[in-house]
Amino acid sequence: MTQATRVAIIGATGYSGIELVRLLQSHPQVQLTYLSSESYTGQAISEVYPHLAGRIGHALDGLDPAAVAARADVVFLGLPAGKSSELVPAFLAAGLRVIDMGGDFRLVDGAVHEQWYKKPAPPRHVQAEAVYGLSELWRDAVRQARFITNPGCYATSAILGLAPLLRHGLIDPASVIIDAKSGVSGAGRGVTLGVHFAEVNENFQAYKVNQHQHTPEIEQVLGQVAAQPLTVTFTTHLLPITRGILCTSYATLKAPVTAEALRTLYTGDYAGCPFVRTMPLGSFPATKQVQGSNYCDIGLAVDERTHRVTVISVIDNLVKGAAGQAIQNFNLMMGYGEGVGLDVSPLYP
C-alpha cells in the first residue's frame, strides 16, 4: 500500500469541516494529522461532536501555519469569507497542496469579488493559480492542480443542471432563471436570528434577493461553458430542513427539442461522471434521495406550450456542495480513484 497522504483541516468544527472529518477518517489513503478550530482549541473533537466518540481521538489545535506545513501534505480550508485569502499564499509557498472550500478565490475579477462579498479581493497572482474544482467540467485541470477553489453549494447544483444546455447552444442564455432552495446547514454553525428554530420551523422564505454571492460565480462559470457573457436571475430560499439544495432552473429553448433528446444529451455529457445521475423521464429528484452522499441528481422536462425547459437538480449542500466535492477534487489531484472515500449510499429516510 502506498504511503497515506497527511491531511490538515483548518476550520474542522464548522459543518463543512466536520463533514470532511467524517468522510476522511475512513479514507484509505488519508492520515488526518492536524485539525484546527479557533473556538474549541485544546478540546477533543469528540467533546465538540459526540457522534465521533470512539471514532476519532484528535485534540483540536489552534491555527499555526508553520506547524500545518510541517505535519501535512494537503490542507483543506473551511473558513468564513475573507479568511482563506490570508492563509493560502503561505501554504502554497510552503509547498502544500490546498483545497479551499470558501469563496475567496472563486471569482476571477477582483472588482466583482469586492462588489458581491463586500471584502477585499485576494491577491490576483494567487487567484490566477486557483483551479475551479468542478470536476465534471474540468477534470483534467483538477488533476494537474496544486490549488483548488471548491465551488459554492448553490453554484454546484445550478451549474451541473444547466451546463449541457449551454454547452450545446440549446437555450437562450438571457432567459435563464434559477429558483434555488437550501436547508439551514448552508448558513453554517454560527447562531443568528435567521436560523433560530422558531424562525425557520414551519416557515419558508426568500433571502438575499438579487444579492446572493453565488450569483456572479454561476454567471462566470456558465458564461465559460456558453463561450459568451451570461446574466441570470437567481433567487435563494431557506427551507425548514437541515440538509439539501433543490434548484429549479428555467430557460427558453432556441428550437424545438424533445425531453427524450435532452435526457440522451445529459447522460452522454455526464458519462464517466460517477456522481451525476440523470433521472428517468417523468421522475424528478428530491433532496432526501441524495442526503449524506456526493450525488447530484437531475430531472428534466420540456413544456411544448411555452417552449421552455425545466431542470431540477438536487445535492446535499454539505457533501457534493462542500466536503464531498472537496474530497472528489483531492482524489483527482492526488491520483487516487475519484470516488475513494465517497462510495456511500444516500441516507433514507
Protein backbone atom coordinates (compact mmCIF):
# COMPACT_ATOMS: atom_id res chain seq x y z
CA MET A 1 0.00 0.00 0.00
CA THR A 2 1.24 3.49 -0.84
CA GLN A 3 2.01 5.87 1.99
CA ALA A 4 -1.03 7.80 3.19
CA THR A 5 -1.33 11.49 2.44
CA ARG A 6 -1.07 13.65 5.55
CA VAL A 7 -4.07 15.96 5.70
CA ALA A 8 -4.83 19.10 7.72
CA ILE A 9 -8.30 20.61 8.08
CA ILE A 10 -8.47 24.28 9.04
CA GLY A 11 -11.90 25.05 10.44
CA ALA A 12 -12.63 21.46 11.39
CA THR A 13 -15.62 22.19 13.63
CA GLY A 14 -17.79 24.05 11.13
CA TYR A 15 -20.45 21.98 9.41
CA SER A 16 -18.40 21.54 6.23
CA GLY A 17 -15.25 20.88 8.25
CA ILE A 18 -16.81 18.19 10.41
CA GLU A 19 -18.27 16.55 7.30
CA LEU A 20 -14.72 16.42 5.94
CA VAL A 21 -13.59 14.77 9.16
CA ARG A 22 -16.41 12.23 8.99
CA LEU A 23 -15.60 11.22 5.42
CA LEU A 24 -11.81 11.44 5.50
CA GLN A 25 -11.37 9.40 8.68
CA SER A 26 -12.48 6.38 6.62
CA HIS A 27 -10.46 7.28 3.50
CA PRO A 28 -7.85 4.53 2.99
CA GLN A 29 -5.24 6.94 1.60
CA VAL A 30 -5.56 9.69 4.24
CA GLN A 31 -3.94 10.27 7.62
CA LEU A 32 -5.56 13.14 9.50
CA THR A 33 -2.65 14.92 11.18
CA TYR A 34 -3.91 18.40 12.03
CA LEU A 35 -7.42 19.57 12.94
CA SER A 36 -7.79 23.21 13.86
CA SER A 37 -10.60 25.15 15.49
CA GLU A 38 -10.48 28.74 16.69
CA SER A 39 -13.45 28.23 19.00
CA TYR A 40 -12.51 24.88 20.57
CA THR A 41 -8.72 24.83 20.72
CA GLY A 42 -7.43 22.19 23.13
CA GLN A 43 -10.64 20.18 23.32
CA ALA A 44 -11.03 16.70 21.91
CA ILE A 45 -13.06 16.78 18.72
CA SER A 46 -15.38 14.14 20.21
CA GLU A 47 -16.22 16.60 23.01
CA VAL A 48 -17.48 19.09 20.44
CA TYR A 49 -19.14 16.43 18.30
CA PRO A 50 -20.06 13.43 20.48
CA HIS A 51 -21.10 11.37 17.46
CA LEU A 52 -17.36 10.89 16.83
CA ALA A 53 -16.72 9.31 20.25
CA GLY A 54 -14.65 6.17 19.83
CA ARG A 55 -14.00 7.06 16.19
CA ILE A 56 -11.58 9.99 16.32
CA GLY A 57 -9.43 10.90 19.31
CA HIS A 58 -7.78 14.02 17.93
CA ALA A 59 -7.39 17.13 20.05
CA LEU A 60 -8.15 20.38 18.25
CA ASP A 61 -5.19 22.67 17.62
CA GLY A 62 -5.05 26.40 17.23
CA LEU A 63 -4.00 27.72 13.85
CA ASP A 64 -0.22 27.61 13.43
CA PRO A 65 0.69 27.75 9.70
CA ALA A 66 4.26 26.57 10.37
CA ALA A 67 3.00 23.52 12.26
CA VAL A 68 0.50 22.79 9.49
CA ALA A 69 3.30 22.91 6.91
CA ALA A 70 5.42 20.54 8.99
CA ARG A 71 2.66 17.98 9.62
CA ALA A 72 0.62 17.94 6.37
CA ASP A 73 0.93 17.43 2.64
CA VAL A 74 -2.53 18.75 1.79
CA VAL A 75 -4.60 21.33 3.63
CA PHE A 76 -8.37 21.79 3.40
CA LEU A 77 -9.80 25.15 4.47
CA GLY A 78 -13.37 25.52 5.71
CA LEU A 79 -13.37 29.16 6.81
CA PRO A 80 -15.65 32.22 6.59
CA ALA A 81 -15.23 34.59 3.65
CA GLY A 82 -12.07 36.65 3.85
CA LYS A 83 -10.07 34.23 6.00
CA SER A 84 -8.63 31.91 3.35
CA SER A 85 -7.01 34.72 1.39
CA GLU A 86 -4.84 35.43 4.44
CA LEU A 87 -3.58 31.84 4.65
CA VAL A 88 -3.43 30.33 1.18
CA PRO A 89 -0.33 32.22 -0.06
CA ALA A 90 1.76 30.97 2.88
CA PHE A 91 0.56 27.39 2.50
CA LEU A 92 1.38 27.39 -1.21
CA ALA A 93 4.79 28.92 -0.54
CA ALA A 94 5.45 26.11 1.96
CA GLY A 95 4.82 23.53 -0.77
CA LEU A 96 1.42 22.33 0.42
CA ARG A 97 -1.43 21.47 -1.87
CA VAL A 98 -4.52 23.47 -0.95
CA ILE A 99 -8.27 22.91 -1.31
CA ASP A 100 -10.30 25.93 -0.21
CA MET A 101 -14.00 25.37 0.47
CA GLY A 102 -14.62 29.09 0.99
CA GLY A 103 -15.45 31.70 -1.62
CA ASP A 104 -12.33 33.85 -1.55
CA PHE A 105 -10.78 32.60 -4.79
CA ARG A 106 -13.77 31.62 -6.92
CA LEU A 107 -14.19 34.87 -8.82
CA VAL A 108 -11.63 35.82 -11.43
CA ASP A 109 -12.46 39.55 -11.42
CA GLY A 110 -11.31 41.23 -8.19
CA ALA A 111 -13.78 44.09 -8.57
CA VAL A 112 -16.67 41.64 -8.90
CA HIS A 113 -15.45 39.83 -5.78
CA GLU A 114 -15.43 43.05 -3.76
CA GLN A 115 -18.87 44.03 -5.06
CA TRP A 116 -20.54 40.78 -4.02
CA TYR A 117 -18.52 39.65 -0.99
CA LYS A 118 -18.02 43.15 0.45
CA LYS A 119 -14.41 42.23 1.28
CA PRO A 120 -11.05 42.98 -0.33
CA ALA A 121 -10.19 40.68 -3.20
CA PRO A 122 -7.34 38.21 -2.57
CA PRO A 123 -4.01 38.67 -4.34
CA ARG A 124 -4.61 38.30 -8.06
CA HIS A 125 -1.46 36.27 -8.69
CA VAL A 126 -2.69 33.70 -6.15
CA GLN A 127 -6.22 33.67 -7.54
CA ALA A 128 -4.79 33.11 -11.01
CA GLU A 129 -3.36 29.78 -9.84
CA ALA A 130 -6.67 28.57 -8.42
CA VAL A 131 -8.42 25.82 -10.40
CA TYR A 132 -12.21 25.88 -10.12
CA GLY A 133 -12.93 22.44 -8.75
CA LEU A 134 -16.00 21.29 -10.60
CA SER A 135 -14.51 18.06 -11.88
CA GLU A 136 -17.48 17.20 -14.08
CA LEU A 137 -16.45 20.15 -16.27
CA TRP A 138 -12.70 20.45 -15.70
CA ARG A 139 -11.42 17.06 -14.55
CA ASP A 140 -8.06 17.33 -16.33
CA ALA A 141 -7.33 20.75 -14.81
CA VAL A 142 -8.19 19.43 -11.34
CA ARG A 143 -5.77 16.53 -11.83
CA GLN A 144 -2.93 18.97 -12.56
CA ALA A 145 -3.76 21.49 -9.81
CA ARG A 146 -1.97 22.22 -6.58
CA PHE A 147 -4.56 24.81 -5.50
CA ILE A 148 -8.29 24.20 -5.90
CA THR A 149 -11.09 26.61 -5.13
CA ASN A 150 -14.12 24.47 -4.33
CA PRO A 151 -17.40 25.60 -5.95
CA GLY A 152 -20.20 27.01 -3.85
CA CYS A 153 -23.10 24.74 -2.94
CA TYR A 154 -25.81 26.61 -4.85
CA ALA A 155 -23.43 27.09 -7.77
CA THR A 156 -22.67 23.37 -7.95
CA SER A 157 -26.33 22.43 -8.22
CA ALA A 158 -27.23 25.18 -10.69
CA ILE A 159 -24.19 24.74 -12.96
CA LEU A 160 -24.46 20.96 -13.22
CA GLY A 161 -28.15 21.36 -14.03
CA LEU A 162 -27.66 23.90 -16.83
CA ALA A 163 -24.21 23.23 -18.32
CA PRO A 164 -25.24 20.72 -21.03
CA LEU A 165 -27.92 23.05 -22.36
CA LEU A 166 -25.48 25.93 -22.69
CA ARG A 167 -22.58 23.83 -23.97
CA HIS A 168 -24.70 22.66 -26.89
CA GLY A 169 -26.33 26.05 -27.53
CA LEU A 170 -29.86 24.80 -26.96
CA ILE A 171 -31.19 27.67 -24.82
CA ASP A 172 -31.27 31.46 -24.91
CA PRO A 173 -28.63 32.46 -22.31
CA ALA A 174 -30.59 35.61 -21.47
CA SER A 175 -33.64 33.58 -20.43
CA VAL A 176 -32.10 31.62 -17.54
CA ILE A 177 -33.96 31.76 -14.22
CA ILE A 178 -32.75 29.75 -11.21
CA ASP A 179 -35.09 29.22 -8.26
CA ALA A 180 -32.97 27.65 -5.50
CA LYS A 181 -33.78 26.36 -2.02
CA SER A 182 -31.41 25.25 0.75
CA GLY A 183 -31.52 23.62 4.15
CA VAL A 184 -30.44 25.56 7.22
CA SER A 185 -26.98 23.98 7.50
CA GLY A 186 -25.97 26.06 4.48
CA ALA A 187 -25.86 29.07 6.80
CA GLY A 188 -23.09 27.49 8.89
CA ARG A 189 -22.89 26.71 12.58
CA GLY A 190 -22.96 30.28 13.86
CA VAL A 191 -26.01 31.31 15.85
CA THR A 192 -28.06 34.08 14.26
CA LEU A 193 -31.72 35.05 14.44
CA GLY A 194 -32.33 33.95 10.84
CA VAL A 195 -31.55 30.30 11.63
CA HIS A 196 -33.17 30.20 15.07
CA PHE A 197 -35.55 27.20 15.32
CA ALA A 198 -38.59 29.38 15.93
CA GLU A 199 -37.79 31.46 12.84
CA VAL A 200 -37.20 28.50 10.49
CA ASN A 201 -39.67 25.86 11.71
CA GLU A 202 -42.93 25.82 9.73
CA ASN A 203 -41.63 28.71 7.66
CA PHE A 204 -40.36 29.25 4.11
CA GLN A 205 -38.77 32.45 2.90
CA ALA A 206 -36.61 34.03 0.24
CA TYR A 207 -33.37 35.72 1.28
CA LYS A 208 -30.58 37.78 -0.30
CA VAL A 209 -32.88 38.51 -3.23
CA ASN A 210 -30.71 39.72 -6.15
CA GLN A 211 -27.76 39.86 -3.74
CA HIS A 212 -26.53 36.29 -3.19
CA GLN A 213 -22.77 35.97 -3.60
CA HIS A 214 -23.08 32.81 -5.68
CA THR A 215 -24.74 34.82 -8.46
CA PRO A 216 -21.51 36.04 -10.11
CA GLU A 217 -19.95 32.60 -9.65
CA ILE A 218 -22.81 30.96 -11.55
CA GLU A 219 -22.63 33.62 -14.26
CA GLN A 220 -18.84 33.32 -14.55
CA VAL A 221 -18.82 29.54 -14.95
CA LEU A 222 -21.90 29.23 -17.15
CA GLY A 223 -20.50 32.05 -19.29
CA GLN A 224 -17.36 30.00 -19.77
CA VAL A 225 -19.44 26.98 -20.73
CA ALA A 226 -21.56 29.02 -23.17
CA ALA A 227 -18.49 30.90 -24.52
CA GLN A 228 -20.30 34.21 -24.07
CA PRO A 229 -21.19 36.56 -21.21
CA LEU A 230 -24.27 35.48 -19.31
CA THR A 231 -26.59 37.07 -16.76
CA VAL A 232 -29.06 35.03 -14.72
CA THR A 233 -31.94 35.66 -12.38
CA PHE A 234 -31.04 33.75 -9.21
CA THR A 235 -33.26 33.67 -6.13
CA THR A 236 -32.48 31.73 -2.96
CA HIS A 237 -34.87 30.43 -0.32
CA LEU A 238 -34.46 28.87 3.12
CA LEU A 239 -36.16 25.53 3.72
CA PRO A 240 -37.05 24.23 7.21
CA ILE A 241 -34.79 21.20 6.74
CA THR A 242 -31.21 20.54 7.83
CA ARG A 243 -29.55 19.39 4.59
CA GLY A 244 -30.20 19.67 0.91
CA ILE A 245 -30.40 22.02 -2.05
CA LEU A 246 -33.03 21.88 -4.76
CA CYS A 247 -32.56 24.10 -7.82
CA THR A 248 -35.36 24.52 -10.32
CA SER A 249 -33.94 26.21 -13.41
CA TYR A 250 -35.91 27.52 -16.39
CA ALA A 251 -34.76 28.60 -19.84
CA THR A 252 -36.25 29.21 -23.28
CA LEU A 253 -35.28 26.74 -25.99
CA LYS A 254 -33.86 28.16 -29.22
CA ALA A 255 -35.54 25.41 -31.27
CA PRO A 256 -37.95 22.58 -30.52
CA VAL A 257 -36.37 19.60 -28.78
CA THR A 258 -37.92 16.63 -27.02
CA ALA A 259 -37.39 15.66 -23.42
CA GLU A 260 -36.12 12.29 -24.66
CA ALA A 261 -33.42 14.02 -26.71
CA LEU A 262 -32.40 16.16 -23.75
CA ARG A 263 -32.10 13.17 -21.45
CA THR A 264 -29.89 11.44 -24.02
CA LEU A 265 -27.78 14.60 -24.19
CA TYR A 266 -27.37 14.75 -20.39
CA THR A 267 -26.49 11.09 -19.99
CA GLY A 268 -23.90 11.49 -22.73
CA ASP A 269 -22.38 14.67 -21.31
CA TYR A 270 -22.12 13.16 -17.85
CA ALA A 271 -20.94 9.73 -18.93
CA GLY A 272 -17.88 8.97 -16.82
CA CYS A 273 -19.07 11.33 -14.07
CA PRO A 274 -19.82 8.90 -11.24
CA PHE A 275 -21.70 11.37 -9.05
CA VAL A 276 -24.19 12.80 -11.55
CA ARG A 277 -27.38 10.78 -12.05
CA THR A 278 -29.95 11.75 -14.69
CA MET A 279 -33.46 10.70 -13.70
CA PRO A 280 -35.82 8.74 -15.97
CA LEU A 281 -38.29 10.95 -17.83
CA GLY A 282 -41.29 11.83 -15.70
CA SER A 283 -39.30 11.44 -12.47
CA PHE A 284 -37.85 14.37 -10.57
CA PRO A 285 -35.31 14.31 -7.75
CA ALA A 286 -35.90 15.17 -4.10
CA THR A 287 -33.36 16.22 -1.51
CA LYS A 288 -33.87 13.03 0.52
CA GLN A 289 -32.52 10.83 -2.25
CA VAL A 290 -29.05 12.42 -2.15
CA GLN A 291 -28.78 13.13 1.60
CA GLY A 292 -25.38 12.22 3.04
CA SER A 293 -23.98 11.44 -0.42
CA ASN A 294 -21.88 13.10 -3.11
CA TYR A 295 -24.54 12.69 -5.80
CA CYS A 296 -26.17 15.36 -7.92
CA ASP A 297 -29.48 14.07 -9.30
CA ILE A 298 -31.06 15.83 -12.28
CA GLY A 299 -34.58 15.70 -13.70
CA LEU A 300 -35.72 17.25 -16.99
CA ALA A 301 -38.98 18.39 -18.58
CA VAL A 302 -39.90 20.28 -21.75
CA ASP A 303 -43.00 22.46 -21.90
CA GLU A 304 -44.11 22.43 -25.53
CA ARG A 305 -46.68 25.14 -24.78
CA THR A 306 -44.15 27.73 -23.57
CA HIS A 307 -41.05 26.35 -25.39
CA ARG A 308 -39.17 26.28 -22.11
CA VAL A 309 -37.11 23.59 -20.44
CA THR A 310 -37.25 22.92 -16.72
CA VAL A 311 -34.24 21.37 -14.99
CA ILE A 312 -34.43 20.19 -11.38
CA SER A 313 -31.10 19.42 -9.72
CA VAL A 314 -30.55 18.35 -6.11
CA ILE A 315 -27.47 17.89 -3.92
CA ASP A 316 -26.57 17.57 -0.26
CA ASN A 317 -25.11 21.02 0.41
CA LEU A 318 -22.58 19.64 2.93
CA VAL A 319 -21.33 16.81 0.69
CA LYS A 320 -21.49 17.49 -3.06
CA GLY A 321 -21.88 21.16 -2.13
CA ALA A 322 -18.79 21.22 0.10
CA ALA A 323 -16.84 18.39 1.78
CA GLY A 324 -17.63 15.56 -0.63
CA GLN A 325 -16.75 17.63 -3.66
CA ALA A 326 -13.54 18.72 -1.93
CA ILE A 327 -12.62 15.05 -1.42
CA GLN A 328 -13.52 14.28 -5.03
CA ASN A 329 -11.09 17.02 -6.07
CA PHE A 330 -8.47 15.76 -3.62
CA ASN A 331 -8.70 12.27 -5.09
CA LEU A 332 -8.17 13.53 -8.62
CA MET A 333 -5.36 15.87 -7.59
CA MET A 334 -3.52 13.08 -5.76
CA GLY A 335 -4.07 10.43 -8.42
CA TYR A 336 -6.48 8.30 -6.38
CA GLY A 337 -9.73 6.88 -7.67
CA GLU A 338 -12.28 9.69 -7.97
CA GLY A 339 -14.78 8.04 -5.64
CA VAL A 340 -12.42 6.81 -2.92
CA GLY A 341 -13.92 7.64 0.48
CA LEU A 342 -17.18 8.73 -1.17
CA ASP A 343 -18.70 5.40 -2.14
CA VAL A 344 -21.61 5.63 0.27
CA SER A 345 -25.32 5.30 -0.44
CA PRO A 346 -27.56 8.24 0.44
CA LEU A 347 -29.34 8.20 3.80
CA TYR A 348 -33.04 7.44 3.65
CA PRO A 349 -35.41 8.33 5.19
